[in-house]
Protein backbone atom coordinates (compact mmCIF):
# COMPACT_ATOMS: atom_id res chain seq x y z
CA MET A 1 36.52 18.33 60.30
CA ASN A 2 37.09 15.12 58.47
CA ALA A 3 34.75 13.40 61.10
CA ILE A 4 31.88 15.59 59.37
CA GLN A 5 32.92 15.18 56.19
CA THR A 6 33.22 11.20 56.37
CA MET A 7 29.05 11.37 57.86
CA HIS A 8 28.35 13.67 54.81
CA ARG A 9 29.55 10.79 52.64
CA SER A 10 27.85 8.33 54.16
CA LEU A 11 25.20 10.12 54.01
CA ARG A 12 25.42 10.79 50.11
CA ARG A 13 26.29 6.67 49.88
CA ALA A 14 22.63 5.86 51.94
CA GLY A 15 20.83 8.40 49.76
CA ARG A 16 21.79 6.79 46.74
CA ARG A 17 21.12 3.56 47.90
CA ARG A 18 17.72 4.56 48.56
CA ALA A 19 16.97 5.97 45.27
CA ALA A 20 18.35 2.72 43.49
CA ALA A 21 16.56 0.73 45.48
CA ILE A 22 13.13 2.86 44.46
CA VAL A 23 14.04 2.84 40.56
CA ALA A 24 14.59 -1.04 40.78
CA ALA A 25 11.50 -1.68 43.02
CA ALA A 26 9.12 0.82 40.12
CA ALA A 27 10.88 -1.64 37.38
CA VAL A 28 10.21 -4.72 38.88
CA ILE A 29 6.27 -2.85 39.18
CA LEU A 30 6.50 -1.62 35.77
CA ILE A 31 7.60 -5.30 34.05
CA SER A 32 4.55 -7.23 36.37
CA SER A 33 1.92 -4.91 35.12
CA TRP A 34 3.18 -5.88 31.25
CA SER A 35 3.09 -9.19 31.97
CA CYS A 36 -0.32 -9.18 33.63
CA LYS A 37 -1.89 -8.21 30.23
CA SER A 38 -3.36 -10.79 28.17
CA PRO A 39 -1.90 -11.46 24.95
CA THR A 40 -5.44 -12.69 23.77
CA SER A 41 -7.39 -9.84 25.06
CA PRO A 42 -10.62 -9.00 23.61
CA GLU A 43 -9.53 -6.03 21.44
CA GLY A 44 -6.69 -8.07 20.19
CA GLY A 45 -6.94 -10.83 16.95
CA GLU A 46 -9.34 -10.46 14.23
CA SER A 47 -11.48 -12.80 11.60
CA ASP A 48 -9.86 -13.74 8.70
CA ILE A 49 -10.86 -16.16 5.44
CA ILE A 50 -7.76 -17.90 3.79
CA VAL A 51 -9.32 -19.21 0.05
CA ILE A 52 -7.61 -22.17 -1.14
CA SER A 53 -8.53 -22.82 -5.29
CA ARG A 54 -8.50 -26.47 -6.62
CA TRP A 55 -10.31 -25.64 -9.63
CA ASN A 56 -8.04 -26.27 -13.05
CA ASP A 57 -8.92 -22.94 -14.46
CA PRO A 58 -8.20 -18.88 -12.93
CA VAL A 59 -11.15 -18.31 -10.41
CA ASP A 60 -11.91 -14.70 -9.22
CA ILE A 61 -13.25 -14.49 -5.72
CA PHE A 62 -16.25 -12.45 -4.35
CA MET A 63 -17.10 -11.84 -1.36
CA ASP A 64 -20.84 -10.45 -0.40
CA GLY A 65 -20.98 -9.80 -4.28
CA VAL A 66 -17.64 -7.79 -3.86
CA PHE A 67 -14.58 -8.84 -5.74
CA GLN A 68 -11.52 -9.67 -3.30
CA PHE A 69 -8.83 -11.27 -5.89
CA TRP A 70 -8.26 -13.83 -8.29
CA LEU A 71 -6.63 -17.38 -7.91
CA SER A 72 -4.80 -19.92 -10.19
CA TYR A 73 -4.91 -23.59 -9.63
CA LYS A 74 -3.59 -24.54 -6.08
CA ASN A 75 -2.75 -20.98 -4.78
CA SER A 76 -4.36 -19.30 -1.97
CA ALA A 77 -4.72 -15.77 -0.52
CA GLU A 78 -6.41 -14.16 2.64
CA ILE A 79 -9.24 -11.84 2.87
CA ASP A 80 -8.40 -9.77 6.05
CA ASN A 81 -10.19 -8.74 9.50
CA VAL A 82 -13.75 -9.63 8.15
CA SER A 83 -16.81 -8.90 10.35
CA ARG A 84 -18.51 -11.30 12.52
CA THR A 85 -21.67 -12.55 10.39
CA ASN A 86 -22.75 -14.63 7.55
CA HIS A 87 -20.63 -13.90 4.36
CA LEU A 88 -21.35 -15.63 0.99
CA MET A 89 -18.69 -16.60 -0.94
CA GLU A 90 -18.34 -17.02 -4.36
CA ALA A 91 -15.70 -18.49 -6.92
CA LYS A 92 -16.42 -17.66 -10.67
CA SER A 93 -14.30 -19.35 -13.63
CA GLN A 94 -12.32 -16.57 -15.61
CA VAL A 95 -12.21 -19.38 -18.75
CA THR A 96 -16.71 -19.73 -18.49
CA GLY A 97 -17.87 -17.26 -16.40
CA GLU A 98 -19.90 -20.03 -14.69
CA VAL A 99 -20.17 -20.00 -10.97
CA VAL A 100 -18.05 -22.92 -9.89
CA ALA A 101 -18.81 -22.67 -6.05
CA LEU A 102 -21.03 -21.04 -3.61
CA ARG A 103 -21.06 -20.87 0.05
CA THR A 104 -22.11 -19.15 3.04
CA LEU A 105 -19.72 -19.00 5.73
CA GLU A 106 -20.62 -18.35 9.17
CA VAL A 107 -18.05 -16.22 10.81
CA THR A 108 -18.92 -16.47 14.65
CA GLY A 109 -15.03 -16.30 16.19
CA LYS A 110 -11.89 -13.92 15.70
CA ILE A 111 -9.80 -17.02 14.33
CA ASP A 112 -8.61 -17.78 10.54
CA TYR A 113 -11.67 -19.98 8.82
CA THR A 114 -10.77 -21.85 5.51
CA TRP A 115 -12.59 -21.86 2.18
CA THR A 116 -11.24 -24.64 -0.38
CA ILE A 117 -12.97 -24.77 -4.11
CA GLU A 118 -12.78 -28.37 -5.06
CA HIS A 119 -11.76 -29.57 -8.55
CA ARG A 120 -15.01 -30.42 -11.19
CA ALA A 121 -16.92 -33.83 -10.44
CA ARG A 122 -14.53 -36.53 -10.83
CA ILE A 123 -15.17 -40.41 -11.29
CA ASN A 124 -13.12 -42.94 -10.32
CA CYS A 125 -14.24 -46.45 -12.27
CA ALA A 126 -12.93 -49.66 -11.00
CA ASN A 127 -12.48 -52.72 -12.54
CA ALA A 128 -13.57 -55.89 -10.79
CA PHE A 129 -15.38 -57.76 -13.04
CA GLY A 130 -12.65 -60.36 -14.32
CA GLU A 131 -11.75 -59.58 -17.56
CA SER A 132 -10.68 -56.46 -19.73
CA LEU A 133 -13.22 -53.63 -20.42
CA ARG A 134 -13.83 -50.97 -22.45
CA ILE A 135 -15.09 -48.10 -21.01
CA PHE A 136 -18.02 -45.48 -22.59
CA MET A 137 -19.32 -41.89 -20.88
CA ASP A 138 -22.24 -40.40 -22.63
CA GLY A 139 -21.66 -42.57 -25.69
CA VAL A 140 -18.31 -41.30 -25.98
CA PHE A 141 -15.07 -43.90 -25.37
CA GLN A 142 -12.76 -43.12 -22.84
CA PHE A 143 -10.23 -45.61 -22.00
CA ASP A 144 -9.56 -49.77 -21.76
CA LEU A 145 -9.20 -50.84 -18.08
CA ALA A 146 -7.98 -54.12 -17.35
CA HIS A 147 -9.27 -56.18 -14.15
CA GLY A 148 -8.25 -54.96 -11.05
CA GLU A 149 -6.96 -51.76 -12.44
CA ASN A 150 -8.64 -47.99 -12.08
CA ARG A 151 -8.77 -44.79 -14.01
CA TRP A 152 -10.44 -41.53 -13.51
CA LEU A 153 -13.04 -39.95 -15.86
CA ILE A 154 -11.93 -36.11 -14.94
CA ASP A 155 -13.81 -32.41 -14.98
CA VAL A 156 -17.16 -34.33 -14.93
CA ALA A 157 -19.93 -31.13 -15.46
CA LEU A 158 -22.73 -31.50 -13.34
CA GLY A 159 -25.32 -33.43 -14.47
CA ASP A 160 -26.87 -37.33 -15.28
CA HIS A 161 -24.50 -39.05 -17.14
CA PHE A 162 -24.50 -42.14 -18.82
CA LEU A 163 -21.40 -44.98 -17.99
CA ALA A 164 -21.01 -48.21 -19.81
CA ALA A 165 -18.88 -50.92 -20.01
CA PHE A 166 -18.40 -53.32 -22.65
CA LYS A 167 -16.19 -56.43 -22.48
CA ILE A 168 -13.05 -56.24 -24.92
CA GLY A 169 -12.80 -60.06 -25.54
CA ASP A 170 -16.06 -60.31 -27.28
CA GLY A 171 -17.73 -56.53 -27.10
CA LYS A 172 -20.57 -57.73 -25.24
CA PRO A 173 -22.10 -54.99 -22.26
CA ALA A 174 -20.66 -55.72 -19.30
CA ALA A 175 -22.27 -52.97 -16.79
CA SER A 176 -24.06 -49.84 -16.90
CA ILE A 177 -25.18 -47.07 -14.80
CA THR A 178 -26.54 -43.26 -14.65
CA VAL A 179 -24.46 -41.58 -12.42
CA LYS A 180 -26.22 -38.20 -11.00
CA VAL A 181 -23.41 -35.88 -10.78
CA THR A 182 -25.19 -33.18 -8.26
CA GLU A 183 -21.97 -31.19 -6.49
CA ASN A 184 -18.04 -31.10 -7.84
CA THR A 185 -16.78 -33.64 -5.57
CA ASP A 186 -15.51 -37.53 -5.88
CA TYR A 187 -17.62 -40.40 -6.87
CA THR A 188 -16.73 -44.11 -7.19
CA TRP A 189 -18.11 -46.76 -10.47
CA VAL A 190 -17.10 -50.28 -9.19
CA ILE A 191 -17.82 -52.73 -12.01
CA ARG A 192 -18.27 -55.90 -11.04
CA ILE A 193 -20.58 -59.07 -11.12
CA ILE A 194 -22.85 -60.07 -8.09
CA ALA A 195 -25.50 -62.51 -8.53
CA GLY A 196 -28.75 -61.41 -8.18
CA GLY A 197 -28.17 -57.78 -8.39
CA PRO A 198 -26.82 -55.37 -10.82
CA PRO A 199 -23.25 -55.36 -11.34
CA VAL A 200 -22.47 -52.14 -10.57
CA VAL A 201 -21.65 -49.78 -7.11
CA ILE A 202 -21.85 -46.11 -7.20
CA THR A 203 -20.85 -43.87 -4.81
CA GLY A 204 -20.41 -40.35 -4.31
CA ASP A 205 -17.39 -39.29 -1.69
């Protein structure tokens, strides 16, 4: 009788071991199937547009003519899950109502895109003339500039602007230039004496 009971207990232990082995094998297969799934499958991810404002005034942001949100200076926000096509991005000043930035953004993949609204045009005036100068823009005095010094003309509107430099010592003209400001970016006016040529060099960055 004892031998029969011992045999039954052995069979039960063997059955439990086989059941545990089957459960363990199933768990391994399940974990393997999970690990084989790609985290970047075509169905996952989305196209987002991050908008950054460097404009001094608050701006309203539009995409394809539809208002999205407003941004203050040095702030950013995100337009989520945009379609993969061309989108017209527009920024309008809340102060003046003017369109301060306009761009067509081509969205081709499920990634983050960035659109930065730059500040209004600026002109960096650098004095390499050899003596102190007095700087005017469109006939209006701006500042004095010592030799080797540079200062910015900020918030320059689009269009043509006449810049002139006069010697502080005797008031005589030193240099002048008409700067064609065609976009909101940084321009540089280096005032120097060049023998046989114009005394200034003007560039847009």
